[in-house]
Amino acid sequence: MYAYLIDPFARTVTQVERIKTTSGEKRLNEIYSLIDCRCITAVGPENSNGDVFYVDDEGQMREDQAWFFCRLFPHQALAGKALWTGTTSTGHDRDPRCTLEYVCAHIVWLAETELGFVPVGTPS
């Protein structure tokens, strides 16, 4: 099983291997480890064929944070790393339905400035 790691610190979106488990604790610990957090929220992007991404629920409260914006979730800038994955009809993780190229095309890196957020570069 695999997922896409969105890393605004490195400004990359990369495919990562995941353990195949439906165990709640093992699954959560793996996500926490991949996105370096302890509490997550699932976000359902538009036009994603049922894929979701997990974000750090407390990311906006951290200092020295990196930010990104997903054009498929135009509601707010997101803080910290995220993990894009597919889901089954029963809520279990699976391989993403969207391609890595599709996800990359919808990520914009942000930099915090005195005037707010501004895009910086493009995802790789």
PDB file of N, CA and C in Angstrom:
ATOM      1  N   MET A   1       0.851  -1.171   0.000  1.00  0.00           N
ATOM      2  CA  MET A   1       0.000   0.000   0.000  1.00  0.00           C
ATOM      3  C   MET A   1       0.895   1.232   0.000  1.00  0.00           C
ATOM      4  N   TYR A   2       0.419   2.293  -0.630  1.00  0.00           N
ATOM      5  CA  TYR A   2       1.194   3.522  -0.677  1.00  0.00           C
ATOM      6  C   TYR A   2       0.289   4.734  -0.481  1.00  0.00           C
ATOM      7  N   ALA A   3       0.904   5.886  -0.272  1.00  0.00           N
ATOM      8  CA  ALA A   3       0.207   7.165  -0.123  1.00  0.00           C
ATOM      9  C   ALA A   3       1.158   8.251  -0.616  1.00  0.00           C
ATOM     10  N   TYR A   4       0.691   9.487  -0.629  1.00  0.00           N
ATOM     11  CA  TYR A   4       1.530  10.613  -1.039  1.00  0.00           C
ATOM     12  C   TYR A   4       1.773  11.511   0.166  1.00  0.00           C
ATOM     13  N   LEU A   5       3.033  11.749   0.454  1.00  0.00           N
ATOM     14  CA  LEU A   5       3.417  12.629   1.558  1.00  0.00           C
ATOM     15  C   LEU A   5       3.607  14.038   1.015  1.00  0.00           C
ATOM     16  N   ILE A   6       2.800  14.953   1.505  1.00  0.00           N
ATOM     17  CA  ILE A   6       2.908  16.371   1.149  1.00  0.00           C
ATOM     18  C   ILE A   6       3.761  17.021   2.233  1.00  0.00           C
ATOM     19  N   ASP A   7       4.936  17.504   1.855  1.00  0.00           N
ATOM     20  CA  ASP A   7       5.892  18.051   2.823  1.00  0.00           C
ATOM     21  C   ASP A   7       6.216  19.505   2.476  1.00  0.00           C
ATOM     22  N   PRO A   8       5.560  20.465   3.131  1.00  0.00           N
ATOM     23  CA  PRO A   8       5.822  21.863   2.821  1.00  0.00           C
ATOM     24  C   PRO A   8       7.185  22.358   3.314  1.00  0.00           C
ATOM     25  N   PHE A   9       7.829  21.613   4.197  1.00  0.00           N
ATOM     26  CA  PHE A   9       9.165  21.990   4.653  1.00  0.00           C
ATOM     27  C   PHE A   9      10.178  21.753   3.532  1.00  0.00           C
ATOM     28  N   ALA A  10      10.077  20.590   2.882  1.00  0.00           N
ATOM     29  CA  ALA A  10      10.958  20.246   1.767  1.00  0.00           C
ATOM     30  C   ALA A  10      10.375  20.696   0.426  1.00  0.00           C
ATOM     31  N   ARG A  11       9.106  21.115   0.450  1.00  0.00           N
ATOM     32  CA  ARG A  11       8.369  21.493  -0.762  1.00  0.00           C
ATOM     33  C   ARG A  11       8.362  20.370  -1.783  1.00  0.00           C
ATOM     34  N   THR A  12       7.959  19.194  -1.302  1.00  0.00           N
ATOM     35  CA  THR A  12       7.871  18.013  -2.161  1.00  0.00           C
ATOM     36  C   THR A  12       6.571  17.271  -1.897  1.00  0.00           C
ATOM     37  N   VAL A  13       6.141  16.549  -2.905  1.00  0.00           N
ATOM     38  CA  VAL A  13       5.059  15.577  -2.768  1.00  0.00           C
ATOM     39  C   VAL A  13       5.640  14.272  -3.286  1.00  0.00           C
ATOM     40  N   THR A  14       5.750  13.279  -2.411  1.00  0.00           N
ATOM     41  CA  THR A  14       6.398  12.029  -2.781  1.00  0.00           C
ATOM     42  C   THR A  14       5.522  10.836  -2.417  1.00  0.00           C
ATOM     43  N   GLN A  15       5.711   9.759  -3.152  1.00  0.00           N
ATOM     44  CA  GLN A  15       5.015   8.525  -2.839  1.00  0.00           C
ATOM     45  C   GLN A  15       5.765   7.828  -1.710  1.00  0.00           C
ATOM     46  N   VAL A  16       5.029   7.369  -0.698  1.00  0.00           N
ATOM     47  CA  VAL A  16       5.622   6.642   0.424  1.00  0.00           C
ATOM     48  C   VAL A  16       4.903   5.308   0.583  1.00  0.00           C
ATOM     49  N   GLU A  17       5.650   4.310   0.996  1.00  0.00           N
ATOM     50  CA  GLU A  17       5.069   2.995   1.257  1.00  0.00           C
ATOM     51  C   GLU A  17       4.401   3.016   2.627  1.00  0.00           C
ATOM     52  N   ARG A  18       3.304   2.272   2.742  1.00  0.00           N
ATOM     53  CA  ARG A  18       2.580   2.183   4.006  1.00  0.00           C
ATOM     54  C   ARG A  18       2.414   0.724   4.383  1.00  0.00           C
ATOM     55  N   ILE A  19       2.264   0.474   5.659  1.00  0.00           N
ATOM     56  CA  ILE A  19       1.940  -0.878   6.092  1.00  0.00           C
ATOM     57  C   ILE A  19       0.465  -1.127   5.768  1.00  0.00           C
ATOM     58  N   LYS A  20       0.131  -2.331   5.420  1.00  0.00           N
ATOM     59  CA  LYS A  20      -1.258  -2.645   5.104  1.00  0.00           C
ATOM     60  C   LYS A  20      -1.899  -3.197   6.361  1.00  0.00           C
ATOM     61  N   THR A  21      -2.682  -2.352   7.031  1.00  0.00           N
ATOM     62  CA  THR A  21      -3.336  -2.757   8.264  1.00  0.00           C
ATOM     63  C   THR A  21      -4.657  -2.024   8.408  1.00  0.00           C
ATOM     64  N   THR A  22      -5.597  -2.674   9.045  1.00  0.00           N
ATOM     65  CA  THR A  22      -6.851  -2.012   9.363  1.00  0.00           C
ATOM     66  C   THR A  22      -6.919  -1.710  10.852  1.00  0.00           C
ATOM     67  N   SER A  23      -5.858  -2.084  11.572  1.00  0.00           N
ATOM     68  CA  SER A  23      -5.806  -1.837  13.003  1.00  0.00           C
ATOM     69  C   SER A  23      -5.761  -0.339  13.272  1.00  0.00           C
ATOM     70  N   GLY A  24      -6.687   0.148  14.041  1.00  0.00           N
ATOM     71  CA  GLY A  24      -6.762   1.566  14.334  1.00  0.00           C
ATOM     72  C   GLY A  24      -5.494   2.141  14.932  1.00  0.00           C
ATOM     73  N   GLU A  25      -4.945   1.461  15.939  1.00  0.00           N
ATOM     74  CA  GLU A  25      -3.759   1.984  16.613  1.00  0.00           C
ATOM     75  C   GLU A  25      -2.532   1.969  15.709  1.00  0.00           C
ATOM     76  N   LYS A  26      -2.293   0.871  15.017  1.00  0.00           N
ATOM     77  CA  LYS A  26      -1.136   0.785  14.120  1.00  0.00           C
ATOM     78  C   LYS A  26      -1.261   1.800  12.985  1.00  0.00           C
ATOM     79  N   ARG A  27      -2.452   1.916  12.432  1.00  0.00           N
ATOM     80  CA  ARG A  27      -2.705   2.850  11.335  1.00  0.00           C
ATOM     81  C   ARG A  27      -2.466   4.292  11.795  1.00  0.00           C
ATOM     82  N   LEU A  28      -3.008   4.656  12.948  1.00  0.00           N
ATOM     83  CA  LEU A  28      -2.822   6.013  13.461  1.00  0.00           C
ATOM     84  C   LEU A  28      -1.361   6.306  13.770  1.00  0.00           C
ATOM     85  N   ASN A  29      -0.678   5.373  14.403  1.00  0.00           N
ATOM     86  CA  ASN A  29       0.732   5.593  14.738  1.00  0.00           C
ATOM     87  C   ASN A  29       1.579   5.787  13.487  1.00  0.00           C
ATOM     88  N   GLU A  30       1.254   5.043  12.428  1.00  0.00           N
ATOM     89  CA  GLU A  30       1.991   5.213  11.183  1.00  0.00           C
ATOM     90  C   GLU A  30       1.755   6.606  10.604  1.00  0.00           C
ATOM     91  N   ILE A  31       0.505   7.054  10.585  1.00  0.00           N
ATOM     92  CA  ILE A  31       0.194   8.393  10.065  1.00  0.00           C
ATOM     93  C   ILE A  31       0.864   9.460  10.924  1.00  0.00           C
ATOM     94  N   TYR A  32       0.774   9.328  12.233  1.00  0.00           N
ATOM     95  CA  TYR A  32       1.428  10.290  13.139  1.00  0.00           C
ATOM     96  C   TYR A  32       2.920  10.383  12.832  1.00  0.00           C
ATOM     97  N   SER A  33       3.547   9.238  12.622  1.00  0.00           N
ATOM     98  CA  SER A  33       4.980   9.204  12.342  1.00  0.00           C
ATOM     99  C   SER A  33       5.299   9.860  10.994  1.00  0.00           C
ATOM    100  N   LEU A  34       4.506   9.559   9.974  1.00  0.00           N
ATOM    101  CA  LEU A  34       4.769  10.102   8.643  1.00  0.00           C
ATOM    102  C   LEU A  34       4.607  11.620   8.578  1.00  0.00           C
ATOM    103  N   ILE A  35       3.611  12.149   9.286  1.00  0.00           N
ATOM    104  CA  ILE A  35       3.405  13.602   9.195  1.00  0.00           C
ATOM    105  C   ILE A  35       3.847  14.341  10.463  1.00  0.00           C
ATOM    106  N   ASP A  36       4.533  13.620  11.343  1.00  0.00           N
ATOM    107  CA  ASP A  36       5.159  14.227  12.519  1.00  0.00           C
ATOM    108  C   ASP A  36       4.167  15.018  13.366  1.00  0.00           C
ATOM    109  N   CYS A  37       3.128  14.303  13.837  1.00  0.00           N
ATOM    110  CA  CYS A  37       2.142  14.963  14.690  1.00  0.00           C
ATOM    111  C   CYS A  37       1.549  13.957  15.667  1.00  0.00           C
ATOM    112  N   ARG A  38       0.584  14.414  16.442  1.00  0.00           N
ATOM    113  CA  ARG A  38      -0.046  13.524  17.414  1.00  0.00           C
ATOM    114  C   ARG A  38      -1.570  13.564  17.375  1.00  0.00           C
ATOM    115  N   CYS A  39      -2.122  14.364  16.474  1.00  0.00           N
ATOM    116  CA  CYS A  39      -3.568  14.466  16.336  1.00  0.00           C
ATOM    117  C   CYS A  39      -3.876  14.832  14.885  1.00  0.00           C
ATOM    118  N   ILE A  40      -4.756  14.065  14.221  1.00  0.00           N
ATOM    119  CA  ILE A  40      -5.011  14.310  12.797  1.00  0.00           C
ATOM    120  C   ILE A  40      -6.477  14.630  12.528  1.00  0.00           C
ATOM    121  N   THR A  41      -6.686  15.258  11.389  1.00  0.00           N
ATOM    122  CA  THR A  41      -8.010  15.493  10.842  1.00  0.00           C
ATOM    123  C   THR A  41      -7.996  15.012   9.402  1.00  0.00           C
ATOM    124  N   ALA A  42      -9.050  14.326   8.991  1.00  0.00           N
ATOM    125  CA  ALA A  42      -9.177  13.892   7.603  1.00  0.00           C
ATOM    126  C   ALA A  42      -9.883  14.981   6.815  1.00  0.00           C
ATOM    127  N   VAL A  43      -9.326  15.310   5.651  1.00  0.00           N
ATOM    128  CA  VAL A  43      -9.876  16.335   4.780  1.00  0.00           C
ATOM    129  C   VAL A  43     -10.295  15.658   3.475  1.00  0.00           C
ATOM    130  N   GLY A  44     -11.498  15.949   3.020  1.00  0.00           N
ATOM    131  CA  GLY A  44     -11.995  15.382   1.771  1.00  0.00           C
ATOM    132  C   GLY A  44     -11.931  16.398   0.644  1.00  0.00           C
ATOM    133  N   PRO A  45     -10.876  16.351  -0.171  1.00  0.00           N
ATOM    134  CA  PRO A  45     -10.755  17.314  -1.264  1.00  0.00           C
ATOM    135  C   PRO A  45     -11.828  17.110  -2.340  1.00  0.00           C
ATOM    136  N   GLU A  46     -12.165  18.172  -3.043  1.00  0.00           N
ATOM    137  CA  GLU A  46     -13.099  18.086  -4.163  1.00  0.00           C
ATOM    138  C   GLU A  46     -12.408  17.402  -5.345  1.00  0.00           C
ATOM    139  N   ASN A  47     -13.171  16.746  -6.183  1.00  0.00           N
ATOM    140  CA  ASN A  47     -12.657  16.098  -7.401  1.00  0.00           C
ATOM    141  C   ASN A  47     -11.478  15.165  -7.125  1.00  0.00           C
ATOM    142  N   SER A  48     -11.580  14.385  -6.059  1.00  0.00           N
ATOM    143  CA  SER A  48     -10.481  13.499  -5.692  1.00  0.00           C
ATOM    144  C   SER A  48     -10.860  12.023  -5.758  1.00  0.00           C
ATOM    145  N   ASN A  49     -11.997  11.710  -6.336  1.00  0.00           N
ATOM    146  CA  ASN A  49     -12.440  10.314  -6.483  1.00  0.00           C
ATOM    147  C   ASN A  49     -12.490   9.563  -5.164  1.00  0.00           C
ATOM    148  N   GLY A  50     -12.830  10.253  -4.092  1.00  0.00           N
ATOM    149  CA  GLY A  50     -12.945   9.601  -2.792  1.00  0.00           C
ATOM    150  C   GLY A  50     -11.673   9.562  -1.979  1.00  0.00           C
ATOM    151  N   ASP A  51     -10.577  10.094  -2.519  1.00  0.00           N
ATOM    152  CA  ASP A  51      -9.337  10.171  -1.729  1.00  0.00           C
ATOM    153  C   ASP A  51      -9.512  11.209  -0.617  1.00  0.00           C
ATOM    154  N   VAL A  52      -8.701  11.068   0.427  1.00  0.00           N
ATOM    155  CA  VAL A  52      -8.664  12.034   1.531  1.00  0.00           C
ATOM    156  C   VAL A  52      -7.206  12.351   1.821  1.00  0.00           C
ATOM    157  N   PHE A  53      -6.982  13.416   2.577  1.00  0.00           N
ATOM    158  CA  PHE A  53      -5.650  13.578   3.129  1.00  0.00           C
ATOM    159  C   PHE A  53      -5.769  13.922   4.595  1.00  0.00           C
ATOM    160  N   TYR A  54      -4.780  13.412   5.346  1.00  0.00           N
ATOM    161  CA  TYR A  54      -4.727  13.634   6.785  1.00  0.00           C
ATOM    162  C   TYR A  54      -3.777  14.786   7.059  1.00  0.00           C
ATOM    163  N   VAL A  55      -4.217  15.711   7.909  1.00  0.00           N
ATOM    164  CA  VAL A  55      -3.393  16.866   8.274  1.00  0.00           C
ATOM    165  C   VAL A  55      -3.224  16.908   9.782  1.00  0.00           C
ATOM    166  N   ASP A  56      -2.192  17.605  10.208  1.00  0.00           N
ATOM    167  CA  ASP A  56      -1.916  17.825  11.624  1.00  0.00           C
ATOM    168  C   ASP A  56      -2.996  18.740  12.184  1.00  0.00           C
ATOM    169  N   ASP A  57      -3.831  18.212  13.061  1.00  0.00           N
ATOM    170  CA  ASP A  57      -4.939  18.977  13.631  1.00  0.00           C
ATOM    171  C   ASP A  57      -4.461  20.158  14.469  1.00  0.00           C
ATOM    172  N   GLU A  58      -3.244  20.073  14.978  1.00  0.00           N
ATOM    173  CA  GLU A  58      -2.707  21.141  15.824  1.00  0.00           C
ATOM    174  C   GLU A  58      -1.622  21.942  15.105  1.00  0.00           C
ATOM    175  N   GLY A  59      -1.480  21.740  13.793  1.00  0.00           N
ATOM    176  CA  GLY A  59      -0.397  22.353  13.029  1.00  0.00           C
ATOM    177  C   GLY A  59      -0.373  23.859  13.061  1.00  0.00           C
ATOM    178  N   GLN A  60      -1.536  24.496  13.090  1.00  0.00           N
ATOM    179  CA  GLN A  60      -1.569  25.952  13.083  1.00  0.00           C
ATOM    180  C   GLN A  60      -1.082  26.553  14.392  1.00  0.00           C
ATOM    181  N   MET A  61      -0.981  25.741  15.427  1.00  0.00           N
ATOM    182  CA  MET A  61      -0.529  26.241  16.723  1.00  0.00           C
ATOM    183  C   MET A  61       0.975  26.096  16.925  1.00  0.00           C
ATOM    184  N   ARG A  62       1.655  25.435  16.005  1.00  0.00           N
ATOM    185  CA  ARG A  62       3.095  25.227  16.136  1.00  0.00           C
ATOM    186  C   ARG A  62       3.880  26.431  15.644  1.00  0.00           C
ATOM    187  N   GLU A  63       5.016  26.662  16.269  1.00  0.00           N
ATOM    188  CA  GLU A  63       5.937  27.683  15.779  1.00  0.00           C
ATOM    189  C   GLU A  63       6.803  27.059  14.689  1.00  0.00           C
ATOM    190  N   ASP A  64       7.474  27.884  13.911  1.00  0.00           N
ATOM    191  CA  ASP A  64       8.353  27.396  12.841  1.00  0.00           C
ATOM    192  C   ASP A  64       7.630  26.408  11.939  1.00  0.00           C
ATOM    193  N   GLN A  65       6.470  26.796  11.479  1.00  0.00           N
ATOM    194  CA  GLN A  65       5.627  25.936  10.667  1.00  0.00           C
ATOM    195  C   GLN A  65       5.805  26.224   9.178  1.00  0.00           C
ATOM    196  N   ALA A  66       5.530  25.252   8.358  1.00  0.00           N
ATOM    197  CA  ALA A  66       5.504  25.419   6.902  1.00  0.00           C
ATOM    198  C   ALA A  66       4.063  25.190   6.455  1.00  0.00           C
ATOM    199  N   TRP A  67       3.673  25.876   5.387  1.00  0.00           N
ATOM    200  CA  TRP A  67       2.276  25.902   4.966  1.00  0.00           C
ATOM    201  C   TRP A  67       2.124  25.529   3.502  1.00  0.00           C
ATOM    202  N   PHE A  68       0.934  25.010   3.160  1.00  0.00           N
ATOM    203  CA  PHE A  68       0.598  24.774   1.758  1.00  0.00           C
ATOM    204  C   PHE A  68      -0.891  24.993   1.565  1.00  0.00           C
ATOM    205  N   PHE A  69      -1.259  25.112   0.314  1.00  0.00           N
ATOM    206  CA  PHE A  69      -2.647  25.279  -0.070  1.00  0.00           C
ATOM    207  C   PHE A  69      -2.956  24.203  -1.099  1.00  0.00           C
ATOM    208  N   CYS A  70      -4.084  23.539  -0.966  1.00  0.00           N
ATOM    209  CA  CYS A  70      -4.517  22.532  -1.938  1.00  0.00           C
ATOM    210  C   CYS A  70      -5.688  23.124  -2.721  1.00  0.00           C
ATOM    211  N   ARG A  71      -5.529  23.234  -4.024  1.00  0.00           N
ATOM    212  CA  ARG A  71      -6.589  23.819  -4.860  1.00  0.00           C
ATOM    213  C   ARG A  71      -7.869  22.983  -4.840  1.00  0.00           C
ATOM    214  N   LEU A  72      -7.780  21.732  -4.420  1.00  0.00           N
ATOM    215  CA  LEU A  72      -8.953  20.866  -4.324  1.00  0.00           C
ATOM    216  C   LEU A  72      -9.644  21.006  -2.967  1.00  0.00           C
ATOM    217  N   PHE A  73      -9.053  21.755  -2.074  1.00  0.00           N
ATOM    218  CA  PHE A  73      -9.629  22.071  -0.767  1.00  0.00           C
ATOM    219  C   PHE A  73      -9.437  23.572  -0.567  1.00  0.00           C
ATOM    220  N   PRO A  74     -10.242  24.375  -1.263  1.00  0.00           N
ATOM    221  CA  PRO A  74      -9.993  25.822  -1.301  1.00  0.00           C
ATOM    222  C   PRO A  74     -10.476  26.586  -0.077  1.00  0.00           C
ATOM    223  N   HIS A  75     -10.615  25.918   1.043  1.00  0.00           N
ATOM    224  CA  HIS A  75     -11.194  26.549   2.218  1.00  0.00           C
ATOM    225  C   HIS A  75     -10.183  27.246   3.118  1.00  0.00           C
ATOM    226  N   GLN A  76      -8.941  26.789   3.111  1.00  0.00           N
ATOM    227  CA  GLN A  76      -7.949  27.385   4.005  1.00  0.00           C
ATOM    228  C   GLN A  76      -6.545  26.892   3.672  1.00  0.00           C
ATOM    229  N   ALA A  77      -5.558  27.652   4.121  1.00  0.00           N
ATOM    230  CA  ALA A  77      -4.166  27.206   4.057  1.00  0.00           C
ATOM    231  C   ALA A  77      -3.991  26.117   5.116  1.00  0.00           C
ATOM    232  N   LEU A  78      -3.123  25.148   4.830  1.00  0.00           N
ATOM    233  CA  LEU A  78      -2.908  24.030   5.734  1.00  0.00           C
ATOM    234  C   LEU A  78      -1.488  24.057   6.276  1.00  0.00           C
ATOM    235  N   ALA A  79      -1.342  23.704   7.539  1.00  0.00           N
ATOM    236  CA  ALA A  79      -0.058  23.782   8.228  1.00  0.00           C
ATOM    237  C   ALA A  79       0.553  22.405   8.407  1.00  0.00           C
ATOM    238  N   GLY A  80       1.839  22.310   8.133  1.00  0.00           N
ATOM    239  CA  GLY A  80       2.563  21.064   8.361  1.00  0.00           C
ATOM    240  C   GLY A  80       2.381  20.051   7.243  1.00  0.00           C
ATOM    241  N   LYS A  81       2.927  18.874   7.481  1.00  0.00           N
ATOM    242  CA  LYS A  81       2.858  17.797   6.494  1.00  0.00           C
ATOM    243  C   LYS A  81       1.453  17.213   6.430  1.00  0.00           C
ATOM    244  N   ALA A  82       1.174  16.558   5.303  1.00  0.00           N
ATOM    245  CA  ALA A  82      -0.108  15.878   5.131  1.00  0.00           C
ATOM    246  C   ALA A  82       0.133  14.559   4.412  1.00  0.00           C
ATOM    247  N   LEU A  83      -0.798  13.637   4.571  1.00  0.00           N
ATOM    248  CA  LEU A  83      -0.701  12.338   3.924  1.00  0.00           C
ATOM    249  C   LEU A  83      -1.957  12.109   3.097  1.00  0.00           C
ATOM    250  N   TRP A  84      -1.791  12.016   1.768  1.00  0.00           N
ATOM    251  CA  TRP A  84      -2.898  11.800   0.826  1.00  0.00           C
ATOM    252  C   TRP A  84      -3.043  10.302   0.594  1.00  0.00           C
ATOM    253  N   THR A  85      -4.249   9.784   0.811  1.00  0.00           N
ATOM    254  CA  THR A  85      -4.486   8.352   0.653  1.00  0.00           C
ATOM    255  C   THR A  85      -5.867   8.102   0.076  1.00  0.00           C
ATOM    256  N   GLY A  86      -6.077   6.915  -0.422  1.00  0.00           N
ATOM    257  CA  GLY A  86      -7.407   6.511  -0.854  1.00  0.00           C
ATOM    258  C   GLY A  86      -8.158   5.919   0.322  1.00  0.00           C
ATOM    259  N   THR A  87      -9.471   5.822   0.182  1.00  0.00           N
ATOM    260  CA  THR A  87     -10.282   5.187   1.216  1.00  0.00           C
ATOM    261  C   THR A  87     -11.288   4.251   0.572  1.00  0.00           C
ATOM    262  N   THR A  88     -11.667   3.226   1.326  1.00  0.00           N
ATOM    263  CA  THR A  88     -12.695   2.297   0.872  1.00  0.00           C
ATOM    264  C   THR A  88     -14.057   2.800   1.330  1.00  0.00           C
ATOM    265  N   SER A  89     -15.111   2.138   0.887  1.00  0.00           N
ATOM    266  CA  SER A  89     -16.461   2.538   1.289  1.00  0.00           C
ATOM    267  C   SER A  89     -16.694   2.320   2.786  1.00  0.00           C
ATOM    268  N   THR A  90     -15.867   1.491   3.412  1.00  0.00           N
ATOM    269  CA  THR A  90     -15.995   1.255   4.853  1.00  0.00           C
ATOM    270  C   THR A  90     -15.042   2.112   5.679  1.00  0.00           C
ATOM    271  N   GLY A  91     -14.326   3.028   5.008  1.00  0.00           N
ATOM    272  CA  GLY A  91     -13.463   3.953   5.730  1.00  0.00           C
ATOM    273  C   GLY A  91     -12.041   3.495   5.951  1.00  0.00           C
ATOM    274  N   HIS A  92     -11.650   2.363   5.368  1.00  0.00           N
ATOM    275  CA  HIS A  92     -10.266   1.901   5.501  1.00  0.00           C
ATOM    276  C   HIS A  92      -9.394   2.564   4.443  1.00  0.00           C
ATOM    277  N   ASP A  93      -8.125   2.731   4.774  1.00  0.00           N
ATOM    278  CA  ASP A  93      -7.180   3.297   3.819  1.00  0.00           C
ATOM    279  C   ASP A  93      -6.891   2.311   2.701  1.00  0.00           C
ATOM    280  N   ARG A  94      -6.584   2.843   1.532  1.00  0.00           N
ATOM    281  CA  ARG A  94      -6.189   2.054   0.368  1.00  0.00           C
ATOM    282  C   ARG A  94      -5.262   2.930  -0.465  1.00  0.00           C
ATOM    283  N   ASP A  95      -4.758   2.408  -1.574  1.00  0.00           N
ATOM    284  CA  ASP A  95      -3.949   3.227  -2.470  1.00  0.00           C
ATOM    285  C   ASP A  95      -4.789   4.385  -3.005  1.00  0.00           C
ATOM    286  N   PRO A  96      -4.177   5.541  -3.219  1.00  0.00           N
ATOM    287  CA  PRO A  96      -4.936   6.677  -3.768  1.00  0.00           C
ATOM    288  C   PRO A  96      -5.469   6.364  -5.157  1.00  0.00           C
ATOM    289  N   ARG A  97      -6.609   6.925  -5.467  1.00  0.00           N
ATOM    290  CA  ARG A  97      -7.162   6.817  -6.820  1.00  0.00           C
ATOM    291  C   ARG A  97      -6.544   7.894  -7.719  1.00  0.00           C
ATOM    292  N   CYS A  98      -6.202   9.025  -7.151  1.00  0.00           N
ATOM    293  CA  CYS A  98      -5.574  10.112  -7.905  1.00  0.00           C
ATOM    294  C   CYS A  98      -4.097   9.790  -8.125  1.00  0.00           C
ATOM    295  N   THR A  99      -3.571  10.249  -9.235  1.00  0.00           N
ATOM    296  CA  THR A  99      -2.147  10.036  -9.511  1.00  0.00           C
ATOM    297  C   THR A  99      -1.304  11.045  -8.749  1.00  0.00           C
ATOM    298  N   LEU A 100      -0.044  10.721  -8.598  1.00  0.00           N
ATOM    299  CA  LEU A 100       0.891  11.634  -7.955  1.00  0.00           C
ATOM    300  C   LEU A 100       0.958  12.954  -8.726  1.00  0.00           C
ATOM    301  N   GLU A 101       0.960  12.885 -10.042  1.00  0.00           N
ATOM    302  CA  GLU A 101       1.033  14.094 -10.875  1.00  0.00           C
ATOM    303  C   GLU A 101      -0.192  14.985 -10.659  1.00  0.00           C
ATOM    304  N   TYR A 102      -1.364  14.371 -10.530  1.00  0.00           N
ATOM    305  CA  TYR A 102      -2.598  15.119 -10.297  1.00  0.00           C
ATOM    306  C   TYR A 102      -2.533  15.852  -8.961  1.00  0.00           C
ATOM    307  N   VAL A 103      -2.093  15.154  -7.921  1.00  0.00           N
ATOM    308  CA  VAL A 103      -1.983  15.772  -6.598  1.00  0.00           C
ATOM    309  C   VAL A 103      -0.971  16.911  -6.632  1.00  0.00           C
ATOM    310  N   CYS A 104       0.205  16.672  -7.217  1.00  0.00           N
ATOM    311  CA  CYS A 104       1.238  17.713  -7.313  1.00  0.00           C
ATOM    312  C   CYS A 104       0.717  18.965  -8.012  1.00  0.00           C
ATOM    313  N   ALA A 105      -0.081  18.779  -9.034  1.00  0.00           N
ATOM    314  CA  ALA A 105      -0.597  19.911  -9.807  1.00  0.00           C
ATOM    315  C   ALA A 105      -1.551  20.790  -8.999  1.00  0.00           C
ATOM    316  N   HIS A 106      -2.028  20.290  -7.865  1.00  0.00           N
ATOM    317  CA  HIS A 106      -2.987  21.047  -7.063  1.00  0.00           C
ATOM    318  C   HIS A 106      -2.435  21.545  -5.725  1.00  0.00           C
ATOM    319  N   ILE A 107      -1.134  21.402  -5.529  1.00  0.00           N
ATOM    320  CA  ILE A 107      -0.502  21.870  -4.293  1.00  0.00           C
ATOM    321  C   ILE A 107       0.286  23.145  -4.583  1.00  0.00           C
ATOM    322  N   VAL A 108       0.116  24.144  -3.713  1.00  0.00           N
ATOM    323  CA  VAL A 108       0.855  25.408  -3.812  1.00  0.00           C
ATOM    324  C   VAL A 108       1.528  25.636  -2.463  1.00  0.00           C
ATOM    325  N   TRP A 109       2.838  25.868  -2.497  1.00  0.00           N
ATOM    326  CA  TRP A 109       3.573  26.129  -1.258  1.00  0.00           C
ATOM    327  C   TRP A 109       3.354  27.581  -0.866  1.00  0.00           C
ATOM    328  N   LEU A 110       3.253  27.815   0.430  1.00  0.00           N
ATOM    329  CA  LEU A 110       3.011  29.161   0.936  1.00  0.00           C
ATOM    330  C   LEU A 110       4.123  29.572   1.880  1.00  0.00           C
ATOM    331  N   ALA A 111       4.380  30.876   1.927  1.00  0.00           N
ATOM    332  CA  ALA A 111       5.332  31.433   2.881  1.00  0.00           C
ATOM    333  C   ALA A 111       4.609  32.505   3.680  1.00  0.00           C
ATOM    334  N   GLU A 112       4.781  32.500   4.973  1.00  0.00           N
ATOM    335  CA  GLU A 112       4.146  33.499   5.810  1.00  0.00           C
ATOM    336  C   GLU A 112       4.933  34.801   5.691  1.00  0.00           C
ATOM    337  N   THR A 113       4.253  35.878   5.401  1.00  0.00           N
ATOM    338  CA  THR A 113       4.899  37.189   5.305  1.00  0.00           C
ATOM    339  C   THR A 113       4.132  38.165   6.174  1.00  0.00           C
ATOM    340  N   GLU A 114       4.620  39.364   6.244  1.00  0.00           N
ATOM    341  CA  GLU A 114       3.928  40.382   7.035  1.00  0.00           C
ATOM    342  C   GLU A 114       2.548  40.698   6.462  1.00  0.00           C
ATOM    343  N   LEU A 115       2.357  40.475   5.178  1.00  0.00           N
ATOM    344  CA  LEU A 115       1.081  40.791   4.532  1.00  0.00           C
ATOM    345  C   LEU A 115       0.158  39.585   4.426  1.00  0.00           C
ATOM    346  N   GLY A 116       0.546  38.447   4.959  1.00  0.00           N
ATOM    347  CA  GLY A 116      -0.245  37.229   4.833  1.00  0.00           C
ATOM    348  C   GLY A 116       0.553  36.165   4.125  1.00  0.00           C
ATOM    349  N   PHE A 117      -0.134  35.271   3.435  1.00  0.00           N
ATOM    350  CA  PHE A 117       0.535  34.167   2.752  1.00  0.00           C
ATOM    351  C   PHE A 117       0.723  34.503   1.285  1.00  0.00           C
ATOM    352  N   VAL A 118       1.873  34.101   0.758  1.00  0.00           N
ATOM    353  CA  VAL A 118       2.147  34.261  -0.662  1.00  0.00           C
ATOM    354  C   VAL A 118       2.697  32.959  -1.212  1.00  0.00           C
ATOM    355  N   PRO A 119       2.354  32.567  -2.460  1.00  0.00           N
ATOM    356  CA  PRO A 119       2.883  31.331  -3.036  1.00  0.00           C
ATOM    357  C   PRO A 119       4.381  31.431  -3.246  1.00  0.00           C
ATOM    358  N   VAL A 120       5.072  30.323  -3.055  1.00  0.00           N
ATOM    359  CA  VAL A 120       6.509  30.250  -3.315  1.00  0.00           C
ATOM    360  C   VAL A 120       6.818  28.988  -4.097  1.00  0.00           C
ATOM    361  N   GLY A 121       7.308  29.129  -5.295  1.00  0.00           N
ATOM    362  CA  GLY A 121       7.720  27.974  -6.096  1.00  0.00           C
ATOM    363  C   GLY A 121       6.554  27.089  -6.481  1.00  0.00           C
ATOM    364  N   THR A 122       6.881  25.917  -6.984  1.00  0.00           N
ATOM    365  CA  THR A 122       5.891  24.920  -7.360  1.00  0.00           C
ATOM    366  C   THR A 122       6.280  23.588  -6.775  1.00  0.00           C
ATOM    367  N   PRO A 123       5.295  22.705  -6.557  1.00  0.00           N
ATOM    368  CA  PRO A 123       5.630  21.401  -5.966  1.00  0.00           C
ATOM    369  C   PRO A 123       6.449  20.558  -6.922  1.00  0.00           C
ATOM    370  N   SER A 124       7.245  19.682  -6.354  1.00  0.00           N
ATOM    371  CA  SER A 124       8.030  18.771  -7.201  1.00  0.00           C
ATOM    372  C   SER A 124       7.540  17.363  -7.035  1.00  0.00           C
TER     373      SER A 124
END
